[in-house]
């Protein structure tokens, strides 16, 4: 049996807000963490719209509260697709290559699934979607979510943290508004 893989260490990397759209499009697996009320939930639909503008890519936005166990996830995803697009195109979406589908999961930390079951679920989702972007609270214990292979399920995800605006930047933003 292979020893568990350790999470890869990615050096601190700041993504400029102007480079964010290209960065999101180019990165296949992203884990975006942030404090409560830092803008993660506002970012999720923005990412969704950004990915909709990409040719040959069909994104799906899912709230973590709607995540269900692996046996029922297909039905949950179908329901989300029909709400966001159309029942008439669902079968075509399901026949797309995984490289043509993208999944954005907001509030991953709110998933009502037991954490030890999330490993298999995320692995399953990775087989359906080549691009997955997960947004979660920074207090979410990502390292404790492991799959059957005893390594962090989000091992292949680049992890980033949304920094809060300092008081100077916040006041400049308010002045513009």
N, C-alpha and C. Protein backbone atom coordinates (compact mmCIF):
# COMPACT_ATOMS: atom_id res chain seq x y z
N UNK A 1 0.84 -1.18 0.00
CA UNK A 1 0.00 0.00 0.00
C UNK A 1 0.88 1.23 0.00
N UNK A 2 0.55 2.17 -0.88
CA UNK A 2 1.32 3.40 -0.98
C UNK A 2 1.09 4.27 0.26
N UNK A 3 2.14 4.98 0.70
CA UNK A 3 1.95 5.91 1.82
C UNK A 3 1.08 7.07 1.37
N UNK A 4 0.38 7.71 2.32
CA UNK A 4 -0.47 8.83 1.94
C UNK A 4 0.36 9.98 1.36
N UNK A 5 -0.20 10.64 0.36
CA UNK A 5 0.48 11.79 -0.24
C UNK A 5 0.25 13.01 0.65
N UNK A 6 1.27 13.80 0.79
CA UNK A 6 1.13 15.03 1.56
C UNK A 6 0.60 16.13 0.65
N UNK A 7 -0.19 17.05 1.22
CA UNK A 7 -0.68 18.15 0.39
C UNK A 7 0.49 18.92 -0.21
N UNK A 8 0.36 19.27 -1.47
CA UNK A 8 1.45 20.01 -2.09
C UNK A 8 1.48 21.42 -1.53
N UNK A 9 2.67 21.88 -1.36
CA UNK A 9 2.86 23.23 -0.83
C UNK A 9 3.03 24.18 -2.01
N UNK A 10 2.11 25.08 -2.13
CA UNK A 10 2.19 26.09 -3.17
C UNK A 10 2.68 27.36 -2.51
N UNK A 11 3.75 27.95 -3.05
CA UNK A 11 4.23 29.19 -2.43
C UNK A 11 3.15 30.26 -2.45
N UNK A 12 3.22 31.16 -1.47
CA UNK A 12 2.25 32.24 -1.43
C UNK A 12 2.27 32.96 -2.77
N UNK A 13 1.12 33.14 -3.32
CA UNK A 13 0.98 33.76 -4.63
C UNK A 13 -0.23 34.67 -4.57
N UNK A 14 -0.01 35.93 -4.88
CA UNK A 14 -1.09 36.89 -4.86
C UNK A 14 -1.58 37.05 -6.29
N UNK A 15 -2.89 36.94 -6.46
CA UNK A 15 -3.49 37.12 -7.77
C UNK A 15 -4.10 38.52 -7.81
N UNK A 16 -3.61 39.33 -8.70
CA UNK A 16 -4.13 40.68 -8.87
C UNK A 16 -5.57 40.59 -9.37
N UNK A 17 -6.42 41.47 -8.90
CA UNK A 17 -7.84 41.45 -9.27
C UNK A 17 -8.02 41.56 -10.78
N UNK A 18 -7.12 42.27 -11.46
CA UNK A 18 -7.22 42.40 -12.91
C UNK A 18 -6.88 41.10 -13.63
N UNK A 19 -6.06 40.25 -12.99
CA UNK A 19 -5.68 38.97 -13.57
C UNK A 19 -6.62 37.83 -13.18
N UNK A 20 -7.55 38.13 -12.29
CA UNK A 20 -8.42 37.09 -11.75
C UNK A 20 -9.23 36.34 -12.81
N UNK A 21 -9.85 37.01 -13.77
CA UNK A 21 -10.62 36.26 -14.78
C UNK A 21 -9.78 35.22 -15.53
N UNK A 22 -8.61 35.60 -16.01
CA UNK A 22 -7.76 34.67 -16.75
C UNK A 22 -7.29 33.55 -15.83
N UNK A 23 -6.96 33.90 -14.61
CA UNK A 23 -6.50 32.92 -13.63
C UNK A 23 -7.58 31.86 -13.39
N UNK A 24 -8.81 32.31 -13.19
CA UNK A 24 -9.91 31.37 -12.92
C UNK A 24 -10.15 30.46 -14.13
N UNK A 25 -10.07 31.02 -15.31
CA UNK A 25 -10.28 30.22 -16.52
C UNK A 25 -9.16 29.19 -16.69
N UNK A 26 -7.94 29.57 -16.37
CA UNK A 26 -6.78 28.70 -16.62
C UNK A 26 -6.59 27.60 -15.57
N UNK A 27 -7.01 27.83 -14.35
CA UNK A 27 -6.79 26.85 -13.28
C UNK A 27 -7.90 25.79 -13.27
N UNK A 28 -7.56 24.51 -13.39
CA UNK A 28 -8.60 23.49 -13.43
C UNK A 28 -9.24 23.17 -12.08
N UNK A 29 -8.49 23.26 -11.01
CA UNK A 29 -9.01 22.93 -9.69
C UNK A 29 -8.61 24.03 -8.71
N UNK A 30 -9.61 24.72 -8.17
CA UNK A 30 -9.35 25.81 -7.24
C UNK A 30 -10.14 25.61 -5.95
N UNK A 31 -9.50 25.89 -4.85
CA UNK A 31 -10.14 25.94 -3.54
C UNK A 31 -9.93 27.36 -3.04
N UNK A 32 -11.02 28.09 -2.89
CA UNK A 32 -10.94 29.48 -2.45
C UNK A 32 -11.55 29.57 -1.06
N UNK A 33 -10.71 29.95 -0.11
CA UNK A 33 -11.14 30.06 1.28
C UNK A 33 -11.21 31.53 1.66
N UNK A 34 -12.07 31.83 2.61
CA UNK A 34 -12.17 33.21 3.08
C UNK A 34 -13.02 33.29 4.32
N UNK A 35 -12.85 34.39 5.04
CA UNK A 35 -13.61 34.63 6.26
C UNK A 35 -15.08 34.84 5.92
N UNK A 36 -15.90 34.71 6.93
CA UNK A 36 -17.33 34.97 6.77
C UNK A 36 -17.52 36.40 6.28
N UNK A 37 -18.41 36.62 5.34
CA UNK A 37 -18.74 37.94 4.80
C UNK A 37 -17.60 38.61 4.02
N UNK A 38 -16.66 37.80 3.49
CA UNK A 38 -15.56 38.42 2.74
C UNK A 38 -15.85 38.51 1.25
N UNK A 39 -16.97 37.92 0.80
CA UNK A 39 -17.33 38.04 -0.61
C UNK A 39 -17.32 36.75 -1.39
N UNK A 40 -17.16 35.61 -0.72
CA UNK A 40 -17.13 34.33 -1.44
C UNK A 40 -18.43 34.08 -2.19
N UNK A 41 -19.56 34.32 -1.53
CA UNK A 41 -20.86 34.06 -2.16
C UNK A 41 -21.13 35.04 -3.29
N UNK A 42 -20.58 36.22 -3.23
CA UNK A 42 -20.69 37.16 -4.35
C UNK A 42 -19.77 36.74 -5.50
N UNK A 43 -18.65 36.15 -5.15
CA UNK A 43 -17.69 35.71 -6.16
C UNK A 43 -18.23 34.52 -6.97
N UNK A 44 -18.95 33.62 -6.32
CA UNK A 44 -19.43 32.40 -6.99
C UNK A 44 -20.24 32.68 -8.26
N UNK A 45 -21.30 33.52 -8.21
CA UNK A 45 -22.03 33.78 -9.46
C UNK A 45 -21.22 34.57 -10.48
N UNK A 46 -20.26 35.36 -10.00
CA UNK A 46 -19.39 36.09 -10.92
C UNK A 46 -18.51 35.10 -11.69
N UNK A 47 -17.98 34.12 -10.98
CA UNK A 47 -17.19 33.06 -11.63
C UNK A 47 -18.07 32.28 -12.60
N UNK A 48 -19.29 31.99 -12.19
CA UNK A 48 -20.24 31.27 -13.05
C UNK A 48 -20.46 32.03 -14.36
N UNK A 49 -20.72 33.32 -14.28
CA UNK A 49 -20.93 34.13 -15.49
C UNK A 49 -19.66 34.21 -16.34
N UNK A 50 -18.52 34.32 -15.68
CA UNK A 50 -17.25 34.35 -16.40
C UNK A 50 -17.05 33.06 -17.19
N UNK A 51 -17.32 31.94 -16.56
CA UNK A 51 -17.13 30.65 -17.24
C UNK A 51 -18.18 30.44 -18.33
N UNK A 52 -19.37 31.03 -18.17
CA UNK A 52 -20.38 30.94 -19.22
C UNK A 52 -19.91 31.63 -20.49
N UNK A 53 -19.07 32.63 -20.36
CA UNK A 53 -18.58 33.35 -21.53
C UNK A 53 -17.45 32.62 -22.24
N UNK A 54 -16.95 31.56 -21.63
CA UNK A 54 -15.89 30.77 -22.25
C UNK A 54 -16.48 29.83 -23.30
N UNK A 55 -15.96 29.86 -24.52
CA UNK A 55 -16.48 28.96 -25.53
C UNK A 55 -16.20 27.50 -25.15
N UNK A 56 -17.13 26.66 -25.46
CA UNK A 56 -16.99 25.22 -25.24
C UNK A 56 -16.92 24.83 -23.77
N UNK A 57 -17.46 25.66 -22.87
CA UNK A 57 -17.47 25.33 -21.45
C UNK A 57 -18.85 25.63 -20.88
N UNK A 58 -19.42 24.66 -20.19
CA UNK A 58 -20.74 24.83 -19.59
C UNK A 58 -20.60 24.71 -18.07
N UNK A 59 -20.70 25.84 -17.36
CA UNK A 59 -20.56 25.79 -15.90
C UNK A 59 -21.89 25.49 -15.21
N UNK A 60 -21.77 24.94 -14.02
CA UNK A 60 -22.92 24.65 -13.17
C UNK A 60 -22.59 25.18 -11.78
N UNK A 61 -23.50 25.95 -11.19
CA UNK A 61 -23.29 26.53 -9.87
C UNK A 61 -24.10 25.73 -8.86
N UNK A 62 -23.45 25.29 -7.80
CA UNK A 62 -24.09 24.46 -6.79
C UNK A 62 -23.80 25.03 -5.41
N UNK A 63 -24.82 25.14 -4.59
CA UNK A 63 -24.64 25.57 -3.20
C UNK A 63 -24.31 24.32 -2.38
N UNK A 64 -23.33 24.44 -1.50
CA UNK A 64 -22.92 23.30 -0.68
C UNK A 64 -24.06 22.69 0.12
N UNK A 65 -25.06 23.50 0.46
CA UNK A 65 -26.21 22.97 1.20
C UNK A 65 -27.02 21.98 0.37
N UNK A 66 -26.83 22.00 -0.96
CA UNK A 66 -27.55 21.09 -1.84
C UNK A 66 -26.75 19.84 -2.19
N UNK A 67 -25.57 19.71 -1.59
CA UNK A 67 -24.76 18.51 -1.84
C UNK A 67 -25.38 17.34 -1.09
N UNK A 68 -25.51 16.25 -1.79
CA UNK A 68 -26.09 15.04 -1.20
C UNK A 68 -25.08 13.91 -1.35
N UNK A 69 -25.38 12.77 -0.74
CA UNK A 69 -24.44 11.66 -0.83
C UNK A 69 -24.25 11.23 -2.28
N UNK A 70 -23.16 10.51 -2.51
CA UNK A 70 -22.74 10.12 -3.85
C UNK A 70 -23.85 9.45 -4.65
N UNK A 71 -24.66 8.63 -4.02
CA UNK A 71 -25.71 7.88 -4.73
C UNK A 71 -26.78 8.79 -5.33
N UNK A 72 -26.95 10.00 -4.75
CA UNK A 72 -28.01 10.90 -5.24
C UNK A 72 -27.49 12.17 -5.89
N UNK A 73 -26.17 12.30 -6.02
CA UNK A 73 -25.61 13.56 -6.53
C UNK A 73 -25.99 13.80 -7.98
N UNK A 74 -26.11 12.76 -8.78
CA UNK A 74 -26.48 12.92 -10.18
C UNK A 74 -27.84 13.60 -10.31
N UNK A 75 -28.80 13.17 -9.51
CA UNK A 75 -30.13 13.77 -9.53
C UNK A 75 -30.08 15.22 -9.07
N UNK A 76 -29.28 15.51 -8.05
CA UNK A 76 -29.16 16.89 -7.55
C UNK A 76 -28.53 17.79 -8.62
N UNK A 77 -27.50 17.31 -9.31
CA UNK A 77 -26.86 18.09 -10.36
C UNK A 77 -27.82 18.31 -11.53
N UNK A 78 -28.59 17.28 -11.87
CA UNK A 78 -29.58 17.43 -12.94
C UNK A 78 -30.58 18.53 -12.60
N UNK A 79 -31.05 18.53 -11.36
CA UNK A 79 -32.00 19.56 -10.92
C UNK A 79 -31.41 20.95 -11.01
N UNK A 80 -30.15 21.10 -10.59
CA UNK A 80 -29.49 22.40 -10.67
C UNK A 80 -29.34 22.83 -12.13
N UNK A 81 -28.99 21.88 -12.99
CA UNK A 81 -28.83 22.22 -14.41
C UNK A 81 -30.15 22.73 -14.99
N UNK A 82 -31.24 22.03 -14.71
CA UNK A 82 -32.54 22.42 -15.24
C UNK A 82 -32.92 23.81 -14.74
N UNK A 83 -32.63 24.13 -13.46
CA UNK A 83 -32.94 25.46 -12.92
C UNK A 83 -32.10 26.55 -13.59
N UNK A 84 -30.84 26.23 -13.92
CA UNK A 84 -29.95 27.23 -14.48
C UNK A 84 -30.01 27.32 -16.00
N UNK A 85 -30.41 26.27 -16.64
CA UNK A 85 -30.46 26.25 -18.11
C UNK A 85 -31.85 25.83 -18.57
N UNK A 86 -31.97 24.56 -18.99
CA UNK A 86 -33.24 24.10 -19.52
C UNK A 86 -33.31 22.59 -19.47
N UNK A 87 -34.50 22.09 -19.22
CA UNK A 87 -34.71 20.64 -19.24
C UNK A 87 -34.43 20.08 -20.63
N UNK A 88 -34.69 20.89 -21.65
CA UNK A 88 -34.54 20.44 -23.04
C UNK A 88 -33.08 20.15 -23.41
N UNK A 89 -32.11 20.77 -22.69
CA UNK A 89 -30.70 20.56 -23.03
C UNK A 89 -29.96 19.69 -22.02
N UNK A 90 -30.68 19.16 -21.05
CA UNK A 90 -30.03 18.36 -19.99
C UNK A 90 -29.29 17.15 -20.56
N UNK A 91 -29.91 16.41 -21.43
CA UNK A 91 -29.25 15.20 -21.97
C UNK A 91 -27.99 15.57 -22.75
N UNK A 92 -28.03 16.66 -23.48
CA UNK A 92 -26.85 17.11 -24.21
C UNK A 92 -25.72 17.45 -23.24
N UNK A 93 -26.06 18.12 -22.13
CA UNK A 93 -25.07 18.47 -21.11
C UNK A 93 -24.43 17.20 -20.53
N UNK A 94 -25.25 16.21 -20.24
CA UNK A 94 -24.74 14.97 -19.64
C UNK A 94 -23.82 14.21 -20.59
N UNK A 95 -23.98 14.44 -21.90
CA UNK A 95 -23.14 13.75 -22.88
C UNK A 95 -21.85 14.51 -23.21
N UNK A 96 -21.73 15.73 -22.69
CA UNK A 96 -20.50 16.49 -22.93
C UNK A 96 -19.30 15.79 -22.30
N UNK A 97 -18.14 16.00 -22.88
CA UNK A 97 -16.91 15.52 -22.26
C UNK A 97 -16.71 16.27 -20.94
N UNK A 98 -16.05 15.64 -19.99
CA UNK A 98 -15.81 16.30 -18.70
C UNK A 98 -15.00 17.59 -18.88
N UNK A 99 -14.21 17.67 -19.92
CA UNK A 99 -13.42 18.88 -20.17
C UNK A 99 -14.29 20.06 -20.61
N UNK A 100 -15.53 19.80 -20.96
CA UNK A 100 -16.45 20.86 -21.40
C UNK A 100 -17.39 21.30 -20.28
N UNK A 101 -17.31 20.63 -19.12
CA UNK A 101 -18.18 20.97 -17.99
C UNK A 101 -17.35 21.56 -16.86
N UNK A 102 -17.95 22.52 -16.14
CA UNK A 102 -17.30 23.14 -14.99
C UNK A 102 -18.29 23.16 -13.83
N UNK A 103 -17.78 23.01 -12.62
CA UNK A 103 -18.62 23.03 -11.42
C UNK A 103 -18.06 24.05 -10.44
N UNK A 104 -18.94 24.92 -9.98
CA UNK A 104 -18.59 25.89 -8.94
C UNK A 104 -19.43 25.52 -7.72
N UNK A 105 -18.77 25.25 -6.60
CA UNK A 105 -19.48 24.89 -5.38
C UNK A 105 -19.25 25.99 -4.36
N UNK A 106 -20.31 26.72 -4.02
CA UNK A 106 -20.24 27.75 -2.99
C UNK A 106 -20.68 27.12 -1.66
N UNK A 107 -20.19 27.63 -0.57
CA UNK A 107 -20.56 27.13 0.77
C UNK A 107 -20.28 25.65 0.93
N UNK A 108 -19.14 25.20 0.44
CA UNK A 108 -18.77 23.79 0.54
C UNK A 108 -18.79 23.33 1.99
N UNK A 109 -18.44 24.23 2.89
CA UNK A 109 -18.39 23.92 4.31
C UNK A 109 -19.78 23.65 4.89
N UNK A 110 -20.84 24.01 4.15
CA UNK A 110 -22.21 23.81 4.63
C UNK A 110 -22.82 22.50 4.12
N UNK A 111 -22.03 21.70 3.43
CA UNK A 111 -22.54 20.43 2.89
C UNK A 111 -23.06 19.55 4.02
N UNK A 112 -24.31 19.06 3.89
CA UNK A 112 -24.88 18.22 4.95
C UNK A 112 -24.45 16.76 4.86
N UNK A 113 -23.32 16.52 4.24
CA UNK A 113 -22.79 15.16 4.08
C UNK A 113 -21.67 14.97 5.09
N UNK A 114 -21.57 13.80 5.66
CA UNK A 114 -20.48 13.54 6.61
C UNK A 114 -19.14 13.73 5.92
N UNK A 115 -18.24 14.32 6.63
CA UNK A 115 -16.96 14.68 6.02
C UNK A 115 -16.21 13.48 5.47
N UNK A 116 -16.29 12.34 6.12
CA UNK A 116 -15.55 11.19 5.59
C UNK A 116 -16.18 10.69 4.29
N UNK A 117 -17.43 11.06 4.01
CA UNK A 117 -18.08 10.67 2.76
C UNK A 117 -17.81 11.70 1.65
N UNK A 118 -17.40 12.90 2.02
CA UNK A 118 -17.13 13.93 1.03
C UNK A 118 -15.97 13.54 0.11
N UNK A 119 -15.03 12.76 0.63
CA UNK A 119 -13.89 12.33 -0.18
C UNK A 119 -14.33 11.59 -1.43
N UNK A 120 -15.15 10.57 -1.23
CA UNK A 120 -15.65 9.80 -2.38
C UNK A 120 -16.49 10.68 -3.29
N UNK A 121 -17.27 11.56 -2.71
CA UNK A 121 -18.14 12.43 -3.50
C UNK A 121 -17.32 13.37 -4.38
N UNK A 122 -16.31 14.03 -3.82
CA UNK A 122 -15.48 14.95 -4.60
C UNK A 122 -14.72 14.18 -5.68
N UNK A 123 -14.23 13.01 -5.34
CA UNK A 123 -13.54 12.19 -6.33
C UNK A 123 -14.48 11.86 -7.49
N UNK A 124 -15.71 11.54 -7.17
CA UNK A 124 -16.74 11.25 -8.16
C UNK A 124 -17.01 12.47 -9.03
N UNK A 125 -17.14 13.64 -8.41
CA UNK A 125 -17.37 14.88 -9.16
C UNK A 125 -16.20 15.21 -10.08
N UNK A 126 -14.99 14.89 -9.64
CA UNK A 126 -13.81 15.15 -10.47
C UNK A 126 -13.82 14.30 -11.74
N UNK A 127 -14.51 13.18 -11.72
CA UNK A 127 -14.60 12.37 -12.94
C UNK A 127 -15.62 12.96 -13.91
N UNK A 128 -16.54 13.78 -13.44
CA UNK A 128 -17.55 14.41 -14.30
C UNK A 128 -17.15 15.78 -14.79
N UNK A 129 -16.37 16.50 -13.97
CA UNK A 129 -16.01 17.89 -14.26
C UNK A 129 -14.49 18.04 -14.20
N UNK A 130 -13.89 18.46 -15.32
CA UNK A 130 -12.44 18.71 -15.30
C UNK A 130 -12.12 20.00 -14.56
N UNK A 131 -13.06 20.94 -14.55
CA UNK A 131 -12.85 22.21 -13.85
C UNK A 131 -13.80 22.27 -12.67
N UNK A 132 -13.23 22.38 -11.46
CA UNK A 132 -14.03 22.51 -10.25
C UNK A 132 -13.45 23.64 -9.41
N UNK A 133 -14.34 24.54 -8.99
CA UNK A 133 -13.94 25.64 -8.12
C UNK A 133 -14.79 25.54 -6.86
N UNK A 134 -14.12 25.41 -5.73
CA UNK A 134 -14.80 25.25 -4.45
C UNK A 134 -14.53 26.48 -3.59
N UNK A 135 -15.60 27.03 -3.01
CA UNK A 135 -15.48 28.16 -2.09
C UNK A 135 -15.95 27.71 -0.72
N UNK A 136 -15.14 27.99 0.30
CA UNK A 136 -15.47 27.54 1.65
C UNK A 136 -14.94 28.53 2.68
N UNK A 137 -15.50 28.46 3.87
CA UNK A 137 -15.07 29.29 4.99
C UNK A 137 -13.64 28.91 5.36
N UNK A 138 -12.84 29.89 5.73
CA UNK A 138 -11.44 29.58 6.04
C UNK A 138 -11.27 28.77 7.33
N UNK A 139 -12.32 28.64 8.11
CA UNK A 139 -12.23 27.80 9.31
C UNK A 139 -12.58 26.35 9.01
N UNK A 140 -12.99 26.09 7.79
CA UNK A 140 -13.34 24.73 7.40
C UNK A 140 -12.10 23.86 7.47
N UNK A 141 -12.21 22.76 8.12
CA UNK A 141 -11.05 21.89 8.33
C UNK A 141 -10.83 21.00 7.12
N UNK A 142 -10.27 21.58 6.07
CA UNK A 142 -10.05 20.86 4.82
C UNK A 142 -9.19 19.62 5.04
N UNK A 143 -8.18 19.73 5.88
CA UNK A 143 -7.26 18.60 6.07
C UNK A 143 -7.93 17.38 6.68
N UNK A 144 -9.09 17.56 7.31
CA UNK A 144 -9.77 16.42 7.92
C UNK A 144 -10.71 15.70 6.97
N UNK A 145 -10.88 16.25 5.80
CA UNK A 145 -11.72 15.60 4.80
C UNK A 145 -10.82 14.69 3.99
N UNK A 146 -10.91 13.42 4.26
CA UNK A 146 -10.05 12.47 3.55
C UNK A 146 -10.90 11.44 2.85
N UNK A 147 -10.32 10.87 1.81
CA UNK A 147 -11.08 9.83 1.11
C UNK A 147 -10.54 8.46 1.46
N UNK A 148 -10.99 7.46 0.78
CA UNK A 148 -10.63 6.09 1.10
C UNK A 148 -9.13 5.82 0.92
N UNK A 149 -8.44 6.67 0.19
CA UNK A 149 -7.01 6.45 -0.04
C UNK A 149 -6.16 7.16 1.00
N UNK A 150 -6.79 7.70 2.02
CA UNK A 150 -6.09 8.34 3.14
C UNK A 150 -5.22 9.53 2.74
N UNK A 151 -5.66 10.29 1.76
CA UNK A 151 -4.97 11.55 1.47
C UNK A 151 -6.04 12.62 1.29
N UNK A 152 -5.67 13.85 1.54
CA UNK A 152 -6.67 14.92 1.43
C UNK A 152 -7.34 14.92 0.06
N UNK A 153 -8.65 15.00 0.04
CA UNK A 153 -9.37 14.94 -1.22
C UNK A 153 -9.10 16.13 -2.10
N UNK A 154 -8.68 17.21 -1.50
CA UNK A 154 -8.45 18.42 -2.27
C UNK A 154 -6.96 18.61 -2.57
N UNK A 155 -6.25 17.50 -2.59
CA UNK A 155 -4.81 17.50 -2.84
C UNK A 155 -4.46 18.16 -4.17
N UNK A 156 -5.26 17.92 -5.19
CA UNK A 156 -4.97 18.44 -6.52
C UNK A 156 -5.56 19.83 -6.76
N UNK A 157 -6.12 20.44 -5.75
CA UNK A 157 -6.70 21.77 -5.87
C UNK A 157 -5.68 22.81 -5.44
N UNK A 158 -5.56 23.88 -6.21
CA UNK A 158 -4.73 25.00 -5.80
C UNK A 158 -5.54 25.78 -4.78
N UNK A 159 -4.96 26.02 -3.63
CA UNK A 159 -5.67 26.67 -2.54
C UNK A 159 -5.29 28.15 -2.46
N UNK A 160 -6.34 28.99 -2.39
CA UNK A 160 -6.15 30.43 -2.27
C UNK A 160 -7.05 30.96 -1.17
N UNK A 161 -6.67 32.10 -0.64
CA UNK A 161 -7.40 32.73 0.45
C UNK A 161 -7.78 34.14 0.02
N UNK A 162 -9.04 34.50 0.21
CA UNK A 162 -9.47 35.86 -0.09
C UNK A 162 -9.08 36.73 1.10
N UNK A 163 -8.27 37.72 0.83
CA UNK A 163 -7.84 38.61 1.90
C UNK A 163 -8.88 39.70 2.10
N UNK A 164 -9.08 40.05 3.34
CA UNK A 164 -10.00 41.15 3.64
C UNK A 164 -9.34 42.47 3.26
N UNK A 165 -10.16 43.41 2.84
CA UNK A 165 -9.63 44.73 2.52
C UNK A 165 -9.20 45.43 3.81
N UNK A 166 -8.04 46.08 3.75
CA UNK A 166 -7.64 46.85 4.93
C UNK A 166 -8.49 48.13 4.97
N UNK A 167 -8.41 48.87 6.05
CA UNK A 167 -9.31 50.02 6.22
C UNK A 167 -9.08 51.10 5.18
N UNK A 168 -7.85 51.26 4.67
CA UNK A 168 -7.57 52.27 3.66
C UNK A 168 -8.24 51.89 2.34
N UNK A 169 -8.05 50.63 1.91
CA UNK A 169 -8.68 50.18 0.67
C UNK A 169 -10.21 50.18 0.78
N UNK A 170 -10.71 49.79 1.95
CA UNK A 170 -12.16 49.78 2.15
C UNK A 170 -12.73 51.20 2.02
N UNK A 171 -12.04 52.18 2.61
CA UNK A 171 -12.55 53.56 2.54
C UNK A 171 -12.48 54.09 1.11
N UNK A 172 -11.43 53.70 0.33
CA UNK A 172 -11.35 54.11 -1.07
C UNK A 172 -12.51 53.49 -1.86
N UNK A 173 -12.83 52.26 -1.58
CA UNK A 173 -13.93 51.59 -2.27
C UNK A 173 -15.26 52.26 -1.96
N UNK A 174 -15.44 52.64 -0.69
CA UNK A 174 -16.67 53.32 -0.28
C UNK A 174 -16.77 54.69 -0.94
N UNK A 175 -15.63 55.41 -1.04
CA UNK A 175 -15.62 56.72 -1.69
C UNK A 175 -16.08 56.65 -3.14
N UNK A 176 -15.68 55.57 -3.84
CA UNK A 176 -16.05 55.39 -5.25
C UNK A 176 -17.54 55.11 -5.39
N UNK A 177 -18.12 54.44 -4.39
CA UNK A 177 -19.52 54.04 -4.47
C UNK A 177 -20.40 55.21 -4.35
